[in-house]
Amino acid sequence: MERDTAILNVQARKLTLDEFHAFCELRENRDRLFEVINGEIVEKMAIFEPSTIAAEIIFQFKLWLKSHPIGRVTASDGSYILANTHELIPGVGYISKERMPGIPPREAILAPDLAVEVKSPTDSKREMHQKAELYLAHRTTIV
């Protein structure tokens, strides 16, 4: 006896940035860091060693920017909206004042010029590669 088999292709609905921001503003999420990649929420984990590496990179950037005030550097809570379904938080971000003259009230609505993602033990090579591709596809010059 032959069975009819139906193959279902179920695709989760992608969150909009407004829905993502509402999720982040929930009381239980206010002290946590999230990114949205392809419309899906990804929580950023705080891990000491990658944080110290990012802090050293930021320190060096700040030293250089003190004598060359041409841009701004952000830490691991400065987010960048790359597209309607992507908002990322690099460990270190840099954006020129030419591309973003003022400081936005919340997140930057453009990709950083430079993004540094410091690999933590919880990051897979695939995830790191995916983020690098997203940054580069949205006009980040160096990842």
N, C-alpha and C. Protein backbone atom coordinates (compact mmCIF):
# COMPACT_ATOMS: atom_id res chain seq x y z
N MET A 1 0.83 -1.19 0.00
CA MET A 1 0.00 0.00 0.00
C MET A 1 0.88 1.26 0.00
N GLU A 2 0.61 2.17 -0.90
CA GLU A 2 1.39 3.38 -1.06
C GLU A 2 0.81 4.50 -0.20
N ARG A 3 1.70 5.18 0.49
CA ARG A 3 1.25 6.28 1.34
C ARG A 3 1.52 7.61 0.66
N ASP A 4 0.59 8.52 0.80
CA ASP A 4 0.82 9.89 0.33
C ASP A 4 1.58 10.62 1.43
N THR A 5 2.66 11.21 1.02
CA THR A 5 3.47 11.93 1.99
C THR A 5 3.50 13.40 1.60
N ALA A 6 3.18 14.22 2.55
CA ALA A 6 3.24 15.67 2.34
C ALA A 6 4.49 16.20 3.01
N ILE A 7 5.25 16.93 2.27
CA ILE A 7 6.44 17.55 2.84
C ILE A 7 6.11 19.01 3.11
N LEU A 8 6.25 19.36 4.35
CA LEU A 8 5.95 20.73 4.75
C LEU A 8 7.24 21.52 4.86
N ASN A 9 7.24 22.65 4.26
CA ASN A 9 8.37 23.56 4.38
C ASN A 9 7.92 24.69 5.29
N VAL A 10 8.23 24.55 6.56
CA VAL A 10 7.81 25.53 7.54
C VAL A 10 8.95 26.52 7.75
N GLN A 11 8.65 27.76 7.55
CA GLN A 11 9.65 28.79 7.72
C GLN A 11 9.16 29.76 8.78
N ALA A 12 9.98 29.97 9.79
CA ALA A 12 9.61 30.90 10.85
C ALA A 12 9.56 32.32 10.28
N ARG A 13 8.62 33.09 10.78
CA ARG A 13 8.49 34.48 10.36
C ARG A 13 9.66 35.29 10.93
N LYS A 14 10.24 36.13 10.10
CA LYS A 14 11.37 36.95 10.53
C LYS A 14 10.86 38.17 11.28
N LEU A 15 11.54 38.51 12.35
CA LEU A 15 11.16 39.68 13.13
C LEU A 15 11.53 40.96 12.40
N THR A 16 10.70 41.97 12.57
CA THR A 16 11.05 43.30 12.09
C THR A 16 11.93 43.95 13.15
N LEU A 17 12.59 45.03 12.80
CA LEU A 17 13.41 45.74 13.79
C LEU A 17 12.56 46.29 14.92
N ASP A 18 11.35 46.76 14.61
CA ASP A 18 10.47 47.26 15.67
C ASP A 18 10.13 46.15 16.66
N GLU A 19 9.83 44.95 16.15
CA GLU A 19 9.53 43.82 17.03
C GLU A 19 10.76 43.42 17.84
N PHE A 20 11.92 43.44 17.20
CA PHE A 20 13.17 43.13 17.89
C PHE A 20 13.42 44.13 19.02
N HIS A 21 13.26 45.42 18.74
CA HIS A 21 13.49 46.44 19.77
C HIS A 21 12.49 46.30 20.90
N ALA A 22 11.24 45.97 20.60
CA ALA A 22 10.24 45.76 21.64
C ALA A 22 10.65 44.57 22.52
N PHE A 23 11.15 43.52 21.92
CA PHE A 23 11.63 42.35 22.66
C PHE A 23 12.78 42.75 23.60
N CYS A 24 13.70 43.54 23.09
CA CYS A 24 14.85 43.97 23.89
C CYS A 24 14.43 44.85 25.07
N GLU A 25 13.35 45.59 24.90
CA GLU A 25 12.87 46.50 25.96
C GLU A 25 12.04 45.80 27.03
N LEU A 26 11.70 44.53 26.83
CA LEU A 26 10.97 43.80 27.87
C LEU A 26 11.78 43.80 29.16
N ARG A 27 11.10 43.90 30.27
CA ARG A 27 11.78 44.00 31.58
C ARG A 27 12.83 42.92 31.77
N GLU A 28 12.50 41.69 31.40
CA GLU A 28 13.42 40.57 31.62
C GLU A 28 14.62 40.58 30.65
N ASN A 29 14.58 41.45 29.64
CA ASN A 29 15.66 41.48 28.64
C ASN A 29 16.52 42.73 28.73
N ARG A 30 16.16 43.68 29.56
CA ARG A 30 16.83 44.98 29.57
C ARG A 30 18.32 44.92 29.90
N ASP A 31 18.74 43.95 30.69
CA ASP A 31 20.15 43.85 31.06
C ASP A 31 20.90 42.81 30.24
N ARG A 32 20.33 42.42 29.13
CA ARG A 32 20.94 41.42 28.25
C ARG A 32 21.23 42.05 26.89
N LEU A 33 22.17 41.49 26.16
CA LEU A 33 22.51 42.00 24.84
C LEU A 33 22.06 41.00 23.77
N PHE A 34 21.37 41.53 22.76
CA PHE A 34 20.88 40.70 21.67
C PHE A 34 21.26 41.33 20.33
N GLU A 35 21.41 40.48 19.34
CA GLU A 35 21.54 40.90 17.95
C GLU A 35 20.37 40.27 17.21
N VAL A 36 20.08 40.78 16.04
CA VAL A 36 19.10 40.12 15.17
C VAL A 36 19.81 39.87 13.84
N ILE A 37 19.85 38.60 13.46
CA ILE A 37 20.52 38.17 12.24
C ILE A 37 19.51 37.39 11.41
N ASN A 38 19.27 37.87 10.20
CA ASN A 38 18.25 37.26 9.32
C ASN A 38 16.90 37.18 10.01
N GLY A 39 16.58 38.20 10.80
CA GLY A 39 15.29 38.25 11.47
C GLY A 39 15.16 37.36 12.69
N GLU A 40 16.25 36.72 13.11
CA GLU A 40 16.23 35.84 14.27
C GLU A 40 17.07 36.45 15.39
N ILE A 41 16.58 36.32 16.62
CA ILE A 41 17.26 36.89 17.78
C ILE A 41 18.40 35.97 18.22
N VAL A 42 19.56 36.60 18.46
CA VAL A 42 20.73 35.87 18.95
C VAL A 42 21.23 36.62 20.18
N GLU A 43 21.37 35.92 21.29
CA GLU A 43 21.86 36.58 22.51
C GLU A 43 23.39 36.59 22.51
N LYS A 44 23.95 37.72 22.89
CA LYS A 44 25.40 37.86 23.02
C LYS A 44 25.78 37.44 24.44
N MET A 45 26.76 36.59 24.54
CA MET A 45 27.22 36.11 25.84
C MET A 45 28.44 36.91 26.28
N ALA A 46 28.45 37.33 27.54
CA ALA A 46 29.60 38.04 28.09
C ALA A 46 30.64 37.02 28.53
N ILE A 47 31.83 37.10 27.94
CA ILE A 47 32.92 36.19 28.29
C ILE A 47 34.17 37.04 28.49
N PHE A 48 34.88 36.81 29.57
CA PHE A 48 35.95 37.68 30.02
C PHE A 48 37.08 37.86 29.01
N GLU A 49 37.70 36.80 28.54
CA GLU A 49 38.88 36.94 27.68
C GLU A 49 38.62 37.71 26.39
N PRO A 50 37.56 37.37 25.62
CA PRO A 50 37.30 38.19 24.42
C PRO A 50 37.05 39.66 24.76
N SER A 51 36.46 39.91 25.92
CA SER A 51 36.21 41.28 26.34
C SER A 51 37.51 42.04 26.58
N THR A 52 38.50 41.37 27.17
CA THR A 52 39.78 42.04 27.41
C THR A 52 40.51 42.32 26.10
N ILE A 53 40.39 41.42 25.15
CA ILE A 53 41.01 41.64 23.83
C ILE A 53 40.35 42.83 23.15
N ALA A 54 39.02 42.88 23.16
CA ALA A 54 38.29 44.01 22.56
C ALA A 54 38.65 45.31 23.26
N ALA A 55 38.79 45.28 24.59
CA ALA A 55 39.14 46.49 25.34
C ALA A 55 40.50 47.03 24.92
N GLU A 56 41.46 46.14 24.68
CA GLU A 56 42.79 46.58 24.25
C GLU A 56 42.72 47.22 22.86
N ILE A 57 41.94 46.63 21.97
CA ILE A 57 41.78 47.19 20.62
C ILE A 57 41.14 48.57 20.71
N ILE A 58 40.11 48.69 21.54
CA ILE A 58 39.44 49.98 21.72
C ILE A 58 40.42 51.02 22.28
N PHE A 59 41.21 50.62 23.26
CA PHE A 59 42.20 51.52 23.85
C PHE A 59 43.15 52.06 22.78
N GLN A 60 43.64 51.19 21.92
CA GLN A 60 44.56 51.61 20.86
C GLN A 60 43.87 52.55 19.87
N PHE A 61 42.63 52.25 19.53
CA PHE A 61 41.85 53.13 18.66
C PHE A 61 41.69 54.51 19.30
N LYS A 62 41.32 54.54 20.58
CA LYS A 62 41.09 55.81 21.26
C LYS A 62 42.38 56.64 21.32
N LEU A 63 43.51 55.99 21.54
CA LEU A 63 44.79 56.71 21.53
C LEU A 63 45.01 57.38 20.18
N TRP A 64 44.80 56.63 19.11
CA TRP A 64 45.01 57.16 17.77
C TRP A 64 44.00 58.26 17.46
N LEU A 65 42.74 58.04 17.82
CA LEU A 65 41.69 59.03 17.53
C LEU A 65 41.86 60.32 18.31
N LYS A 66 42.57 60.25 19.42
CA LYS A 66 42.81 61.48 20.21
C LYS A 66 43.58 62.50 19.38
N SER A 67 44.54 62.04 18.58
CA SER A 67 45.30 62.97 17.73
C SER A 67 44.77 63.05 16.30
N HIS A 68 43.85 62.16 15.95
CA HIS A 68 43.23 62.14 14.62
C HIS A 68 41.71 61.99 14.80
N PRO A 69 41.00 63.03 15.22
CA PRO A 69 39.57 62.91 15.56
C PRO A 69 38.67 62.82 14.31
N ILE A 70 38.80 61.73 13.59
CA ILE A 70 38.05 61.57 12.34
C ILE A 70 36.90 60.58 12.45
N GLY A 71 36.73 59.97 13.62
CA GLY A 71 35.67 58.98 13.75
C GLY A 71 35.42 58.61 15.20
N ARG A 72 34.60 57.61 15.37
CA ARG A 72 34.21 57.14 16.70
C ARG A 72 34.38 55.63 16.79
N VAL A 73 34.71 55.17 17.96
CA VAL A 73 34.84 53.73 18.20
C VAL A 73 33.76 53.31 19.19
N THR A 74 33.19 52.15 18.97
CA THR A 74 32.15 51.63 19.87
C THR A 74 32.59 50.30 20.48
N ALA A 75 32.05 50.02 21.65
CA ALA A 75 32.34 48.77 22.37
C ALA A 75 31.22 47.76 22.10
N SER A 76 31.22 46.71 22.88
CA SER A 76 30.31 45.59 22.62
C SER A 76 28.86 45.83 23.00
N ASP A 77 28.47 47.08 23.19
CA ASP A 77 27.04 47.37 23.35
C ASP A 77 26.59 48.45 22.38
N GLY A 78 27.44 48.77 21.41
CA GLY A 78 27.08 49.72 20.35
C GLY A 78 26.59 48.95 19.14
N SER A 79 25.33 49.12 18.79
CA SER A 79 24.78 48.32 17.70
C SER A 79 24.65 49.10 16.40
N TYR A 80 24.66 48.33 15.31
CA TYR A 80 24.59 48.88 13.96
C TYR A 80 23.49 48.16 13.19
N ILE A 81 22.56 48.92 12.63
CA ILE A 81 21.50 48.34 11.80
C ILE A 81 22.05 48.24 10.38
N LEU A 82 22.18 47.01 9.89
CA LEU A 82 22.70 46.81 8.54
C LEU A 82 21.57 46.75 7.52
N ALA A 83 20.42 46.23 7.93
CA ALA A 83 19.26 46.09 7.05
C ALA A 83 18.05 45.83 7.94
N ASN A 84 16.89 45.68 7.33
CA ASN A 84 15.65 45.47 8.10
C ASN A 84 15.66 44.20 8.95
N THR A 85 16.53 43.25 8.64
CA THR A 85 16.56 42.00 9.41
C THR A 85 17.92 41.75 10.06
N HIS A 86 18.78 42.76 10.10
CA HIS A 86 20.11 42.59 10.68
C HIS A 86 20.48 43.78 11.55
N GLU A 87 20.71 43.53 12.82
CA GLU A 87 21.28 44.53 13.72
C GLU A 87 22.36 43.82 14.52
N LEU A 88 23.60 44.22 14.31
CA LEU A 88 24.73 43.53 14.91
C LEU A 88 25.46 44.42 15.91
N ILE A 89 26.12 43.77 16.86
CA ILE A 89 26.91 44.45 17.87
C ILE A 89 28.34 43.90 17.80
N PRO A 90 29.23 44.57 17.08
CA PRO A 90 30.60 44.07 17.03
C PRO A 90 31.30 44.27 18.37
N GLY A 91 32.31 43.44 18.64
CA GLY A 91 33.11 43.64 19.85
C GLY A 91 33.75 45.01 19.85
N VAL A 92 34.18 45.45 18.65
CA VAL A 92 34.72 46.79 18.43
C VAL A 92 34.17 47.26 17.09
N GLY A 93 33.65 48.46 17.07
CA GLY A 93 33.19 49.05 15.82
C GLY A 93 33.85 50.41 15.64
N TYR A 94 34.07 50.79 14.41
CA TYR A 94 34.59 52.12 14.10
C TYR A 94 33.76 52.69 12.97
N ILE A 95 33.40 53.97 13.11
CA ILE A 95 32.66 54.66 12.06
C ILE A 95 33.23 56.07 11.91
N SER A 96 33.44 56.47 10.68
CA SER A 96 34.01 57.80 10.43
C SER A 96 32.96 58.87 10.67
N LYS A 97 33.42 60.04 11.07
CA LYS A 97 32.52 61.18 11.25
C LYS A 97 31.96 61.64 9.90
N GLU A 98 32.69 61.36 8.83
CA GLU A 98 32.20 61.70 7.50
C GLU A 98 30.92 60.92 7.19
N ARG A 99 30.90 59.63 7.51
CA ARG A 99 29.71 58.81 7.25
C ARG A 99 28.63 59.01 8.30
N MET A 100 29.01 59.31 9.53
CA MET A 100 28.04 59.52 10.61
C MET A 100 28.50 60.72 11.44
N PRO A 101 28.10 61.94 11.00
CA PRO A 101 28.58 63.16 11.67
C PRO A 101 28.14 63.29 13.13
N GLY A 102 26.93 62.87 13.44
CA GLY A 102 26.43 63.00 14.80
C GLY A 102 26.36 61.66 15.51
N ILE A 103 26.01 61.72 16.78
CA ILE A 103 25.86 60.50 17.58
C ILE A 103 24.38 60.15 17.62
N PRO A 104 24.00 58.96 17.17
CA PRO A 104 22.59 58.60 17.16
C PRO A 104 22.07 58.37 18.58
N PRO A 105 20.77 58.57 18.80
CA PRO A 105 20.21 58.39 20.14
C PRO A 105 20.22 56.94 20.61
N ARG A 106 20.24 55.99 19.68
CA ARG A 106 20.20 54.58 20.05
C ARG A 106 21.25 53.83 19.24
N GLU A 107 20.87 53.21 18.17
CA GLU A 107 21.80 52.45 17.33
C GLU A 107 22.14 53.24 16.07
N ALA A 108 23.28 52.89 15.47
CA ALA A 108 23.65 53.51 14.21
C ALA A 108 22.86 52.84 13.09
N ILE A 109 22.30 53.61 12.20
CA ILE A 109 21.47 53.05 11.13
C ILE A 109 22.31 52.93 9.86
N LEU A 110 23.47 52.33 10.00
CA LEU A 110 24.37 52.02 8.91
C LEU A 110 25.43 51.07 9.45
N ALA A 111 26.14 50.45 8.55
CA ALA A 111 27.20 49.52 8.95
C ALA A 111 28.44 50.29 9.39
N PRO A 112 29.22 49.73 10.31
CA PRO A 112 30.47 50.39 10.68
C PRO A 112 31.47 50.33 9.53
N ASP A 113 32.45 51.22 9.55
CA ASP A 113 33.52 51.15 8.56
C ASP A 113 34.42 49.95 8.85
N LEU A 114 34.62 49.68 10.12
CA LEU A 114 35.43 48.55 10.55
C LEU A 114 34.68 47.82 11.66
N ALA A 115 34.66 46.51 11.61
CA ALA A 115 34.03 45.70 12.66
C ALA A 115 35.02 44.63 13.11
N VAL A 116 35.17 44.52 14.42
CA VAL A 116 36.01 43.47 15.00
C VAL A 116 35.12 42.55 15.82
N GLU A 117 35.13 41.29 15.47
CA GLU A 117 34.42 40.27 16.24
C GLU A 117 35.49 39.38 16.87
N VAL A 118 35.60 39.40 18.19
CA VAL A 118 36.56 38.57 18.88
C VAL A 118 35.88 37.24 19.18
N LYS A 119 36.45 36.16 18.66
CA LYS A 119 35.84 34.84 18.80
C LYS A 119 35.88 34.39 20.25
N SER A 120 34.72 33.99 20.75
CA SER A 120 34.62 33.42 22.09
C SER A 120 34.40 31.91 21.97
N PRO A 121 34.55 31.18 23.05
CA PRO A 121 34.36 29.72 22.98
C PRO A 121 32.96 29.31 22.52
N THR A 122 31.98 30.18 22.65
CA THR A 122 30.61 29.84 22.25
C THR A 122 30.33 30.15 20.79
N ASP A 123 31.25 30.81 20.09
CA ASP A 123 31.06 31.16 18.68
C ASP A 123 31.59 30.04 17.78
N SER A 124 30.81 29.68 16.79
CA SER A 124 31.30 28.71 15.81
C SER A 124 31.97 29.45 14.66
N LYS A 125 32.81 28.74 13.91
CA LYS A 125 33.44 29.34 12.73
C LYS A 125 32.37 29.77 11.74
N ARG A 126 31.33 28.98 11.62
CA ARG A 126 30.23 29.29 10.70
C ARG A 126 29.56 30.62 11.07
N GLU A 127 29.29 30.82 12.38
CA GLU A 127 28.67 32.06 12.84
C GLU A 127 29.58 33.27 12.58
N MET A 128 30.87 33.09 12.84
CA MET A 128 31.82 34.18 12.61
C MET A 128 31.89 34.53 11.12
N HIS A 129 31.91 33.52 10.28
CA HIS A 129 31.95 33.73 8.83
C HIS A 129 30.67 34.44 8.35
N GLN A 130 29.52 34.00 8.88
CA GLN A 130 28.24 34.62 8.51
C GLN A 130 28.22 36.10 8.86
N LYS A 131 28.70 36.44 10.06
CA LYS A 131 28.73 37.85 10.46
C LYS A 131 29.66 38.66 9.56
N ALA A 132 30.83 38.10 9.28
CA ALA A 132 31.78 38.81 8.41
C ALA A 132 31.15 39.08 7.05
N GLU A 133 30.47 38.09 6.50
CA GLU A 133 29.81 38.28 5.20
C GLU A 133 28.72 39.35 5.27
N LEU A 134 27.97 39.38 6.37
CA LEU A 134 26.92 40.40 6.52
C LEU A 134 27.52 41.80 6.56
N TYR A 135 28.56 41.97 7.37
CA TYR A 135 29.21 43.28 7.44
C TYR A 135 29.69 43.72 6.06
N LEU A 136 30.42 42.84 5.39
CA LEU A 136 30.98 43.19 4.08
C LEU A 136 29.90 43.47 3.04
N ALA A 137 28.80 42.73 3.09
CA ALA A 137 27.71 42.93 2.14
C ALA A 137 27.00 44.27 2.37
N HIS A 138 27.17 44.86 3.55
CA HIS A 138 26.48 46.12 3.86
C HIS A 138 27.45 47.29 4.03
N ARG A 139 28.57 47.24 3.29
CA ARG A 139 29.51 48.34 3.14
C ARG A 139 30.51 48.52 4.28
N THR A 140 30.69 47.52 5.13
CA THR A 140 31.80 47.58 6.08
C THR A 140 33.06 47.29 5.27
N THR A 141 34.08 48.12 5.43
CA THR A 141 35.29 48.00 4.64
C THR A 141 36.22 46.91 5.15
N ILE A 142 36.38 46.82 6.47
CA ILE A 142 37.30 45.86 7.07
C ILE A 142 36.59 45.11 8.20
N VAL A 143 36.73 43.78 8.16
CA VAL A 143 36.17 42.94 9.23
C VAL A 143 37.29 42.09 9.77
